[in-house]
N, C-alpha and C. Protein backbone atom coordinates (compact mmCIF):
# COMPACT_ATOMS: atom_id res chain seq x y z
N UNK A 1 21.24 7.41 -22.62
CA UNK A 1 20.09 6.27 -23.53
C UNK A 1 19.06 7.02 -22.67
N UNK A 2 18.25 7.08 -23.57
CA UNK A 2 16.90 7.46 -22.74
C UNK A 2 16.09 6.88 -21.81
N UNK A 3 15.57 7.59 -20.79
CA UNK A 3 14.94 6.24 -20.06
C UNK A 3 13.85 5.44 -20.35
N UNK A 4 12.92 5.94 -21.24
CA UNK A 4 11.82 5.31 -22.31
C UNK A 4 12.56 4.31 -23.49
N UNK A 5 14.04 4.25 -23.39
CA UNK A 5 14.96 3.13 -23.73
C UNK A 5 14.78 2.25 -23.35
N UNK A 6 15.26 2.92 -21.60
CA UNK A 6 15.49 1.74 -20.81
C UNK A 6 14.50 1.02 -20.46
N UNK A 7 12.95 1.13 -20.61
CA UNK A 7 11.86 0.41 -20.56
C UNK A 7 11.79 -0.65 -21.32
N UNK A 8 12.35 -0.33 -22.44
CA UNK A 8 12.67 -1.90 -23.34
C UNK A 8 13.57 -2.16 -23.10
N UNK A 9 14.80 -2.73 -21.88
CA UNK A 9 15.85 -3.65 -21.92
C UNK A 9 15.79 -3.91 -20.81
N UNK A 10 15.38 -3.40 -19.67
CA UNK A 10 14.85 -3.76 -18.62
C UNK A 10 13.70 -3.95 -18.32
N UNK A 11 13.84 -5.14 -16.71
CA UNK A 11 12.26 -5.36 -16.50
C UNK A 11 11.85 -5.00 -15.64
N UNK A 12 12.74 -4.28 -14.68
CA UNK A 12 12.21 -3.33 -13.39
C UNK A 12 13.46 -2.24 -13.28
N UNK A 13 12.38 -0.97 -13.68
CA UNK A 13 13.07 -0.06 -13.52
C UNK A 13 12.30 0.79 -12.00
N UNK A 14 13.15 1.69 -11.68
CA UNK A 14 12.91 2.42 -10.74
C UNK A 14 12.84 3.99 -10.92
N UNK A 15 11.83 5.11 -10.66
CA UNK A 15 11.58 5.72 -10.82
C UNK A 15 10.99 6.90 -9.68
N UNK A 16 11.49 8.35 -9.73
CA UNK A 16 10.43 9.20 -8.98
C UNK A 16 9.23 9.28 -9.42
N UNK A 17 9.12 10.10 -10.56
CA UNK A 17 7.60 10.66 -10.79
C UNK A 17 7.74 9.67 -12.26
N UNK A 18 6.82 9.09 -13.13
CA UNK A 18 6.67 8.83 -13.81
C UNK A 18 5.65 10.06 -14.89
N UNK A 19 6.33 10.62 -16.44
CA UNK A 19 5.70 11.23 -16.91
C UNK A 19 4.36 10.14 -17.83
N UNK A 20 3.55 11.28 -18.52
CA UNK A 20 2.47 10.36 -18.58
C UNK A 20 3.44 9.70 -20.30
N UNK A 21 4.19 10.13 -21.12
CA UNK A 21 4.50 10.10 -21.90
C UNK A 21 5.43 8.75 -22.00
N UNK A 22 6.42 8.80 -21.02
CA UNK A 22 7.12 7.19 -20.31
C UNK A 22 5.98 6.40 -19.67
N UNK A 23 5.13 6.01 -19.49
CA UNK A 23 3.98 5.60 -18.64
C UNK A 23 3.14 4.80 -20.41
N UNK A 24 2.69 5.66 -21.69
CA UNK A 24 2.60 5.78 -22.37
C UNK A 24 3.38 4.19 -23.65
N UNK A 25 4.73 4.95 -23.38
CA UNK A 25 5.82 4.24 -24.13
C UNK A 25 6.09 2.37 -23.54
N UNK A 26 5.69 2.61 -22.12
CA UNK A 26 5.26 1.04 -21.35
C UNK A 26 4.66 0.52 -22.12
N UNK A 27 3.18 1.10 -22.23
CA UNK A 27 1.84 0.77 -22.29
C UNK A 27 2.31 -0.21 -24.31
N UNK A 28 2.75 0.82 -24.98
CA UNK A 28 3.23 0.66 -25.73
C UNK A 28 4.15 -0.69 -26.37
N UNK A 29 5.23 -1.22 -25.48
CA UNK A 29 5.91 -2.00 -25.32
C UNK A 29 5.44 -3.37 -25.37
N UNK A 30 4.33 -3.26 -24.44
CA UNK A 30 3.64 -4.87 -23.60
C UNK A 30 2.60 -4.63 -23.79
N UNK A 31 2.28 -4.30 -25.19
CA UNK A 31 0.58 -4.21 -25.51
C UNK A 31 -0.01 -6.31 -25.64
N UNK A 32 0.85 -6.85 -26.05
CA UNK A 32 0.61 -8.54 -25.84
C UNK A 32 0.23 -8.69 -24.26
N UNK A 33 0.33 -8.10 -23.00
CA UNK A 33 0.12 -8.50 -21.86
C UNK A 33 -1.24 -8.07 -20.69
N UNK A 34 -1.17 -8.59 -19.83
CA UNK A 34 -1.96 -8.05 -18.90
C UNK A 34 -1.89 -7.15 -18.29
N UNK A 35 -2.46 -5.56 -17.78
CA UNK A 35 -2.41 -4.93 -16.99
C UNK A 35 -2.62 -5.20 -15.92
N UNK A 36 -2.02 -4.96 -14.27
CA UNK A 36 -2.43 -5.18 -13.69
C UNK A 36 -1.71 -4.18 -12.55
N UNK A 37 -2.41 -3.77 -11.44
CA UNK A 37 -1.58 -2.32 -10.67
C UNK A 37 -1.58 -3.03 -9.29
N UNK A 38 -0.53 -2.61 -8.66
CA UNK A 38 0.20 -3.18 -7.11
C UNK A 38 -0.53 -2.11 -6.74
N UNK A 39 -1.66 -1.65 -5.45
CA UNK A 39 -1.75 -0.06 -5.27
C UNK A 39 -1.09 -0.68 -3.79
N UNK A 40 -1.01 -1.33 -3.19
CA UNK A 40 0.56 -1.43 -2.17
C UNK A 40 1.35 -2.97 -2.32
N UNK A 41 2.30 -2.76 -1.27
CA UNK A 41 2.79 -4.05 -1.64
C UNK A 41 2.32 -5.22 -1.20
N UNK A 42 2.05 -6.18 -2.71
CA UNK A 42 1.55 -7.51 -2.75
C UNK A 42 -0.02 -7.29 -2.81
N UNK A 43 -0.10 -6.39 -3.01
CA UNK A 43 -1.99 -6.23 -3.10
C UNK A 43 -1.85 -5.50 -4.43
N UNK A 44 -2.36 -5.96 -5.21
CA UNK A 44 -3.35 -5.86 -6.60
C UNK A 44 -4.92 -5.17 -6.33
N UNK A 45 -4.82 -4.60 -7.19
CA UNK A 45 -6.41 -3.88 -7.76
C UNK A 45 -6.96 -5.06 -8.55
N UNK A 46 -8.38 -5.66 -8.26
CA UNK A 46 -8.82 -6.50 -8.66
C UNK A 46 -8.93 -6.61 -9.65
N UNK A 47 -9.33 -7.62 -10.47
CA UNK A 47 -9.37 -8.31 -11.74
C UNK A 47 -10.67 -7.58 -12.58
N UNK A 48 -11.80 -7.44 -11.60
CA UNK A 48 -12.95 -6.44 -11.85
C UNK A 48 -12.43 -5.01 -12.36
N UNK A 49 -11.58 -4.46 -12.67
CA UNK A 49 -11.48 -3.21 -12.31
C UNK A 49 -11.74 -2.50 -13.74
N UNK A 50 -11.96 -0.74 -13.79
CA UNK A 50 -12.56 -0.46 -14.75
C UNK A 50 -11.77 0.87 -14.77
N UNK A 51 -11.15 1.87 -16.07
CA UNK A 51 -10.79 2.87 -16.19
C UNK A 51 -11.96 3.65 -16.10
N UNK A 52 -12.04 4.51 -15.44
CA UNK A 52 -13.43 5.17 -15.41
C UNK A 52 -13.78 6.66 -15.19
N UNK A 53 -11.87 7.53 -15.38
CA UNK A 53 -12.10 8.93 -15.72
C UNK A 53 -10.77 8.91 -15.71
N UNK A 54 -10.13 9.93 -16.65
CA UNK A 54 -8.54 10.43 -16.65
C UNK A 54 -9.03 11.90 -16.80
N UNK A 55 -8.39 12.63 -15.94
CA UNK A 55 -8.29 13.92 -15.42
C UNK A 55 -7.12 14.40 -15.80
N UNK A 56 -7.33 15.31 -16.76
CA UNK A 56 -6.00 16.53 -17.01
C UNK A 56 -6.09 17.75 -16.37
N UNK A 57 -4.95 17.80 -15.22
CA UNK A 57 -4.97 19.01 -13.96
C UNK A 57 -4.31 19.71 -14.46
N UNK A 58 -3.98 20.82 -14.07
CA UNK A 58 -3.07 22.15 -13.96
C UNK A 58 -3.21 21.92 -12.09
N UNK A 59 -2.13 22.20 -11.53
CA UNK A 59 -1.97 22.70 -10.34
C UNK A 59 -1.89 24.33 -9.82
N UNK A 60 -1.93 25.11 -9.84
CA UNK A 60 -1.52 26.13 -9.30
C UNK A 60 -1.43 26.70 -7.58
N UNK A 61 0.03 26.60 -6.99
CA UNK A 61 -0.30 26.61 -5.92
C UNK A 61 0.57 27.80 -5.46
N UNK A 62 0.77 27.99 -3.67
CA UNK A 62 1.32 28.99 -3.19
C UNK A 62 1.97 27.88 -1.94
N UNK A 63 3.36 27.67 -1.69
CA UNK A 63 3.46 27.27 -0.29
C UNK A 63 3.37 27.44 1.22
N UNK A 64 3.65 27.30 1.95
CA UNK A 64 3.80 28.26 3.41
C UNK A 64 4.64 29.04 3.36
N UNK A 65 5.98 28.92 2.74
CA UNK A 65 6.54 29.40 2.38
C UNK A 65 6.60 31.10 1.81
N UNK A 66 5.57 30.73 1.18
CA UNK A 66 4.99 32.29 0.03
C UNK A 66 5.70 32.09 -1.36
N UNK A 67 5.83 30.48 -1.55
CA UNK A 67 6.47 30.80 -3.04
C UNK A 67 5.25 29.58 -4.11
N UNK A 68 5.41 30.28 -5.09
CA UNK A 68 4.32 29.48 -6.05
C UNK A 68 5.12 28.82 -6.51
N UNK A 69 3.99 27.54 -7.09
CA UNK A 69 4.90 27.00 -8.59
C UNK A 69 3.27 26.07 -9.22
N UNK A 70 3.89 25.53 -10.48
CA UNK A 70 2.54 25.06 -10.97
C UNK A 70 3.40 24.06 -11.81
N UNK A 71 2.15 22.98 -11.78
CA UNK A 71 2.85 21.97 -12.80
C UNK A 71 1.46 21.23 -13.21
N UNK A 72 1.78 20.21 -14.20
CA UNK A 72 0.14 19.55 -14.63
C UNK A 72 0.40 18.26 -14.44
N UNK A 73 -0.86 17.15 -13.99
CA UNK A 73 -0.78 16.33 -13.72
C UNK A 73 -2.11 15.30 -14.40
N UNK A 74 -1.62 13.76 -15.08
CA UNK A 74 -2.85 13.56 -15.60
C UNK A 74 -3.09 12.57 -14.16
N UNK A 75 -4.57 12.15 -14.11
CA UNK A 75 -4.92 11.26 -12.80
C UNK A 75 -5.74 10.20 -13.73
N UNK A 76 -5.47 8.92 -13.58
CA UNK A 76 -6.37 8.17 -14.54
C UNK A 76 -7.06 7.49 -12.85
N UNK A 77 -8.74 7.29 -12.98
CA UNK A 77 -9.13 6.89 -11.88
C UNK A 77 -9.67 4.77 -12.51
N UNK A 78 -8.53 4.26 -11.47
CA UNK A 78 -9.24 3.08 -11.74
C UNK A 78 -10.54 2.63 -10.42
N UNK A 79 -11.39 2.03 -11.14
CA UNK A 79 -12.79 1.58 -9.98
C UNK A 79 -13.12 0.20 -10.20
N UNK A 80 -13.31 -0.80 -9.05
CA UNK A 80 -13.66 -2.12 -8.96
C UNK A 80 -14.82 -2.54 -8.99
N UNK A 81 -15.47 -2.98 -10.69
CA UNK A 81 -16.86 -2.90 -10.46
C UNK A 81 -17.64 -4.07 -9.97
N UNK A 82 -18.46 -3.75 -8.88
CA UNK A 82 -18.85 -4.39 -8.02
C UNK A 82 -19.31 -6.44 -8.68
N UNK A 83 -20.07 -5.64 -9.83
CA UNK A 83 -21.12 -6.28 -11.09
C UNK A 83 -19.91 -7.75 -11.33
N UNK A 84 -18.73 -7.41 -11.51
CA UNK A 84 -17.82 -8.39 -11.62
C UNK A 84 -16.90 -9.12 -10.75
N UNK A 85 -17.44 -8.96 -9.72
CA UNK A 85 -16.25 -9.83 -8.57
C UNK A 85 -16.15 -11.11 -8.92
N UNK A 86 -14.86 -11.28 -8.67
CA UNK A 86 -14.38 -13.24 -8.89
C UNK A 86 -14.05 -12.99 -10.66
N UNK A 87 -13.75 -11.89 -10.90
CA UNK A 87 -13.26 -11.73 -12.07
C UNK A 87 -12.12 -12.31 -11.96
N UNK A 88 -11.11 -12.92 -12.81
CA UNK A 88 -9.78 -13.08 -12.81
C UNK A 88 -9.09 -12.93 -14.07
N UNK A 89 -9.67 -12.39 -15.04
CA UNK A 89 -8.55 -12.24 -16.25
C UNK A 89 -8.81 -10.64 -15.83
N UNK A 90 -7.54 -10.22 -16.09
CA UNK A 90 -6.98 -8.70 -15.83
C UNK A 90 -7.34 -7.80 -17.92
N UNK A 91 -7.41 -6.77 -17.46
CA UNK A 91 -7.31 -5.95 -18.81
C UNK A 91 -6.40 -6.18 -19.59
N UNK A 92 -6.23 -6.11 -20.79
CA UNK A 92 -5.22 -6.37 -21.23
C UNK A 92 -4.82 -4.92 -21.40
N UNK A 93 -3.14 -4.95 -21.77
CA UNK A 93 -2.35 -3.65 -22.16
C UNK A 93 -3.32 -3.41 -23.36
N UNK A 94 -3.50 -3.40 -24.01
CA UNK A 94 -3.96 -3.65 -25.54
C UNK A 94 -5.45 -2.83 -25.95
N UNK A 95 -5.95 -2.74 -24.43
CA UNK A 95 -7.46 -2.06 -24.07
C UNK A 95 -7.12 -1.17 -23.81
N UNK A 96 -6.86 -1.32 -22.44
CA UNK A 96 -6.09 0.10 -21.67
C UNK A 96 -5.77 1.06 -22.63
N UNK A 97 -4.60 0.78 -23.18
CA UNK A 97 -4.18 1.97 -24.26
C UNK A 97 -4.93 2.27 -25.58
N UNK A 98 -5.80 1.39 -26.18
CA UNK A 98 -7.10 1.89 -26.64
C UNK A 98 -7.70 3.02 -25.65
N UNK A 99 -8.29 2.81 -24.36
CA UNK A 99 -9.35 3.09 -23.86
C UNK A 99 -8.42 4.83 -23.20
N UNK A 100 -7.08 4.68 -23.60
CA UNK A 100 -6.63 5.80 -22.75
C UNK A 100 -5.88 6.68 -24.13
N UNK A 101 -6.28 6.27 -25.05
CA UNK A 101 -5.79 6.84 -27.16
C UNK A 101 -6.60 7.64 -27.34
N UNK A 102 -8.31 6.63 -27.14
CA UNK A 102 -9.39 7.43 -27.66
C UNK A 102 -9.51 8.83 -26.41
N UNK A 103 -9.42 8.72 -25.04
CA UNK A 103 -9.15 10.14 -23.93
C UNK A 103 -8.70 11.21 -25.15
N UNK A 104 -7.71 10.71 -25.24
CA UNK A 104 -6.61 11.65 -25.63
C UNK A 104 -6.71 12.27 -27.05
N UNK A 105 -7.83 11.67 -27.65
CA UNK A 105 -8.51 12.00 -28.85
C UNK A 105 -9.55 13.42 -28.72
N UNK A 106 -10.09 13.00 -27.53
CA UNK A 106 -11.41 13.83 -26.89
C UNK A 106 -11.04 15.11 -26.19
N UNK A 107 -10.04 14.89 -25.38
CA UNK A 107 -8.81 16.04 -24.60
C UNK A 107 -7.31 15.58 -24.23
N UNK A 108 -6.76 16.63 -25.53
CA UNK A 108 -5.60 15.74 -25.17
C UNK A 108 -4.36 16.28 -24.29
N UNK A 109 -3.59 14.50 -23.76
CA UNK A 109 -2.76 15.06 -23.01
C UNK A 109 -1.56 15.60 -22.88
N UNK A 110 -1.17 16.24 -21.77
CA UNK A 110 -0.02 17.09 -21.83
C UNK A 110 1.05 16.28 -21.39
N UNK A 111 1.92 15.53 -22.17
CA UNK A 111 2.67 14.04 -22.12
C UNK A 111 3.84 14.75 -20.85
N UNK A 112 3.88 15.59 -20.77
CA UNK A 112 5.44 16.26 -20.10
C UNK A 112 4.69 15.82 -18.47
N UNK A 113 3.34 15.66 -18.58
CA UNK A 113 2.71 15.71 -17.14
C UNK A 113 2.64 14.53 -16.38
N UNK A 114 3.47 14.56 -14.69
CA UNK A 114 3.30 13.60 -13.95
C UNK A 114 1.56 12.69 -14.33
N UNK A 115 2.26 11.27 -13.71
CA UNK A 115 1.15 10.19 -14.35
C UNK A 115 0.50 9.73 -13.28
N UNK A 116 -0.66 9.81 -12.35
CA UNK A 116 -0.94 8.99 -11.24
C UNK A 116 -2.14 8.57 -11.00
N UNK A 117 -2.82 7.71 -10.45
CA UNK A 117 -3.80 6.56 -9.99
C UNK A 117 -4.76 6.65 -8.83
N UNK A 118 -5.91 7.22 -9.57
CA UNK A 118 -6.57 7.19 -8.12
C UNK A 118 -7.52 6.32 -7.98
N UNK A 119 -7.42 5.63 -7.04
CA UNK A 119 -7.90 4.66 -6.45
C UNK A 119 -8.40 4.05 -5.28
N UNK A 120 -9.49 3.32 -4.86
CA UNK A 120 -9.63 2.46 -3.23
C UNK A 120 -10.82 1.81 -3.29
N UNK A 121 -10.53 0.87 -2.15
CA UNK A 121 -11.70 -0.37 -1.94
C UNK A 121 -12.08 0.17 -0.86
N UNK A 122 -13.07 -1.24 -0.28
CA UNK A 122 -13.29 -1.33 1.00
C UNK A 122 -12.53 -1.34 2.60
N UNK A 123 -11.08 -1.47 1.93
CA UNK A 123 -10.06 -1.42 2.92
C UNK A 123 -9.22 -0.21 2.66
N UNK A 124 -8.63 -0.09 1.58
CA UNK A 124 -8.05 1.05 1.26
C UNK A 124 -8.71 2.77 0.87
N UNK A 125 -8.02 3.56 1.94
CA UNK A 125 -8.58 4.73 1.73
C UNK A 125 -8.62 5.57 0.01
N UNK A 126 -9.18 6.19 -0.44
CA UNK A 126 -9.11 6.78 -1.40
C UNK A 126 -7.55 7.90 -1.57
N UNK A 127 -7.16 7.58 -2.86
CA UNK A 127 -5.78 8.15 -2.43
C UNK A 127 -5.25 8.18 -4.16
N UNK A 128 -4.21 9.22 -4.34
CA UNK A 128 -3.52 9.54 -5.70
C UNK A 128 -2.15 9.06 -5.28
N UNK A 129 -2.40 8.38 -6.22
CA UNK A 129 -1.03 7.30 -6.12
C UNK A 129 -0.15 7.80 -7.73
N UNK A 130 1.32 7.69 -6.81
CA UNK A 130 2.10 7.56 -8.19
C UNK A 130 3.36 6.61 -8.68
N UNK A 131 3.51 6.62 -10.02
CA UNK A 131 3.99 5.16 -10.52
C UNK A 131 5.29 5.20 -10.04
N UNK A 132 5.81 4.18 -8.71
CA UNK A 132 6.57 3.95 -8.13
C UNK A 132 8.18 3.11 -9.34
N UNK A 133 6.85 2.27 -10.08
CA UNK A 133 8.19 1.08 -10.47
C UNK A 133 6.75 0.26 -11.66
N UNK A 134 7.68 -0.47 -12.22
CA UNK A 134 6.69 -1.63 -13.02
C UNK A 134 7.70 -2.70 -13.32
N UNK A 135 6.91 -4.08 -13.03
CA UNK A 135 7.81 -4.97 -13.26
C UNK A 135 7.10 -5.57 -14.81
N UNK A 136 7.91 -6.67 -15.07
CA UNK A 136 7.25 -7.55 -16.23
C UNK A 136 7.47 -9.04 -15.91
N UNK A 137 6.30 -9.79 -15.29
CA UNK A 137 6.62 -11.04 -14.79
C UNK A 137 5.25 -11.90 -15.30
N UNK A 138 6.39 -12.91 -16.18
CA UNK A 138 5.22 -13.36 -17.34
C UNK A 138 4.67 -12.89 -18.57
N UNK A 139 3.53 -13.14 -18.40
CA UNK A 139 2.25 -12.56 -19.28
C UNK A 139 1.70 -11.09 -18.87
N UNK A 140 2.47 -10.45 -17.67
CA UNK A 140 1.87 -9.17 -16.97
C UNK A 140 2.38 -8.38 -17.36
N UNK A 141 2.11 -7.35 -17.33
CA UNK A 141 3.17 -6.04 -16.96
C UNK A 141 1.79 -5.04 -15.52
N UNK A 142 2.90 -5.70 -14.62
CA UNK A 142 2.35 -4.91 -12.83
C UNK A 142 3.12 -3.68 -13.41
N UNK A 143 2.23 -2.80 -12.66
CA UNK A 143 2.49 -1.27 -12.23
C UNK A 143 2.67 -1.25 -11.27
N UNK A 144 3.56 -0.69 -10.16
CA UNK A 144 3.80 -0.52 -8.50
C UNK A 144 3.55 1.08 -8.28
N UNK A 145 2.65 1.10 -8.04
CA UNK A 145 2.06 2.10 -7.37
C UNK A 145 2.18 2.46 -5.84
N UNK A 146 2.08 3.93 -5.67
CA UNK A 146 2.71 4.13 -4.19
C UNK A 146 2.46 5.94 -3.81
N UNK A 147 1.90 5.86 -2.53
CA UNK A 147 1.50 7.20 -1.98
C UNK A 147 2.77 8.11 -1.67
N UNK A 148 2.81 9.17 -1.82
CA UNK A 148 3.77 10.47 -1.80
C UNK A 148 3.31 11.27 -0.06
N UNK A 149 4.07 10.73 0.75
CA UNK A 149 3.84 11.33 2.16
C UNK A 149 3.89 12.54 1.44
N UNK A 150 2.83 13.63 2.46
CA UNK A 150 2.75 15.05 2.53
C UNK A 150 3.70 15.67 3.04
N UNK A 151 3.97 16.60 2.68
CA UNK A 151 5.77 17.44 3.06
C UNK A 151 5.39 19.09 2.94
N UNK A 152 6.61 19.34 3.36
CA UNK A 152 6.92 20.87 3.48
C UNK A 152 7.77 21.47 2.51
N UNK A 153 7.49 21.90 2.03
CA UNK A 153 8.25 22.38 0.43
C UNK A 153 8.94 23.36 0.92
N UNK A 154 8.85 24.15 1.95
CA UNK A 154 9.68 25.44 2.14
C UNK A 154 9.86 25.69 3.64
N UNK A 155 11.21 23.88 3.51
CA UNK A 155 11.59 23.82 5.06
C UNK A 155 13.02 24.83 5.59
N UNK A 156 13.73 25.44 4.95
CA UNK A 156 14.46 26.12 4.86
C UNK A 156 14.03 27.59 5.19
N UNK A 157 13.01 28.29 4.70
CA UNK A 157 12.27 29.27 5.01
C UNK A 157 11.30 29.19 6.44
N UNK A 158 10.96 28.10 6.25
CA UNK A 158 10.36 27.94 7.39
C UNK A 158 11.17 27.72 8.83
N UNK A 159 12.07 26.85 8.43
CA UNK A 159 12.70 26.47 9.78
C UNK A 159 12.29 25.53 10.25
N UNK A 160 12.44 24.26 9.31
CA UNK A 160 11.32 23.11 9.39
C UNK A 160 13.34 22.32 9.48
N UNK A 161 13.37 21.32 10.52
CA UNK A 161 14.12 20.46 10.22
C UNK A 161 13.95 19.00 9.48
N UNK A 162 14.96 18.56 8.47
CA UNK A 162 14.40 16.77 7.66
C UNK A 162 14.05 16.57 8.65
N UNK A 163 15.33 15.91 9.71
CA UNK A 163 14.87 14.92 10.96
C UNK A 163 14.68 15.68 11.79
N UNK A 164 13.12 14.29 12.69
CA UNK A 164 12.75 15.16 13.81
C UNK A 164 13.44 14.49 14.87
N UNK A 165 13.70 15.56 15.90
CA UNK A 165 14.46 15.40 16.90
C UNK A 165 13.42 14.14 17.87
N UNK A 166 14.18 12.94 18.43
CA UNK A 166 14.06 12.22 19.31
C UNK A 166 14.03 11.99 20.71
N UNK A 167 13.24 11.62 21.30
CA UNK A 167 13.25 12.01 22.97
C UNK A 167 13.32 10.73 23.35
N UNK A 168 14.10 10.63 24.05
CA UNK A 168 14.14 9.04 25.10
C UNK A 168 12.43 9.07 25.85
N UNK A 169 12.78 7.19 25.81
CA UNK A 169 11.09 7.68 26.63
C UNK A 169 10.84 7.46 28.02
N UNK A 170 12.29 7.73 28.23
CA UNK A 170 12.50 7.67 29.73
C UNK A 170 12.65 8.73 30.45
N UNK A 171 12.93 9.84 29.67
CA UNK A 171 12.61 11.34 30.08
C UNK A 171 10.88 11.23 30.19
N UNK A 172 10.66 12.47 31.01
CA UNK A 172 9.60 12.96 31.32
C UNK A 172 9.08 13.64 30.10
N UNK A 173 8.30 13.88 29.72
CA UNK A 173 7.66 14.71 28.60
C UNK A 173 7.03 16.44 28.95
N UNK A 174 6.70 16.50 30.44
CA UNK A 174 6.64 18.08 30.88
C UNK A 174 8.15 18.09 31.88
N UNK A 175 8.75 19.30 31.97
CA UNK A 175 9.53 19.38 32.94
C UNK A 175 9.18 20.68 33.91
N UNK A 176 9.63 21.06 34.71
CA UNK A 176 8.89 22.11 35.95
C UNK A 176 8.86 23.43 35.30
N UNK A 177 10.10 23.35 34.33
CA UNK A 177 10.02 25.01 33.72
C UNK A 177 9.36 25.09 32.37
N UNK A 178 8.56 23.95 32.27
CA UNK A 178 7.47 24.81 31.32
C UNK A 178 7.66 23.53 30.44
N UNK A 179 8.80 22.95 30.13
CA UNK A 179 8.85 22.37 28.55
C UNK A 179 7.98 21.04 28.04
N UNK A 180 6.54 22.07 27.73
CA UNK A 180 6.07 20.66 27.61
C UNK A 180 5.69 20.50 26.15
N UNK A 181 5.56 19.17 25.75
CA UNK A 181 5.49 18.47 24.85
C UNK A 181 4.77 19.28 23.56
């Protein structure tokens, strides 16, 4: 069964990184719903949000182990309008899909690229959040976003262990032989 077929049969799906095409399939299957974004557990982007920018990025990188990599990302920026504070009706999936379709006609999407959302508010730092999950709850499609921690991609080359060594708090940090942290 294809992942896009799972979207249509399951209420909640977990996946690591959603592709742009997969996100569009979720929207297409839920056009009659309101579109909500959960940027942290139990915290929703305000109903006064707008889709203010869509970025089509190609990342061309070199990691600390001298390995090269490249990939593409679609980043959709969400912004809460201060002129619409107190708004309670969320954007419909239908309207969001219309906006994103218009963007795609102007600048075509790389549908196999990872999709992320850029967001911040007064209490949450600006971050690019990946889609961690989605849930259909009543008449709402809730897209659950998550922050991905930075990581060393060349752990083996650089000699980095996956698990951090734990030190007992009863032991002194520095010893007479110069073993300081």
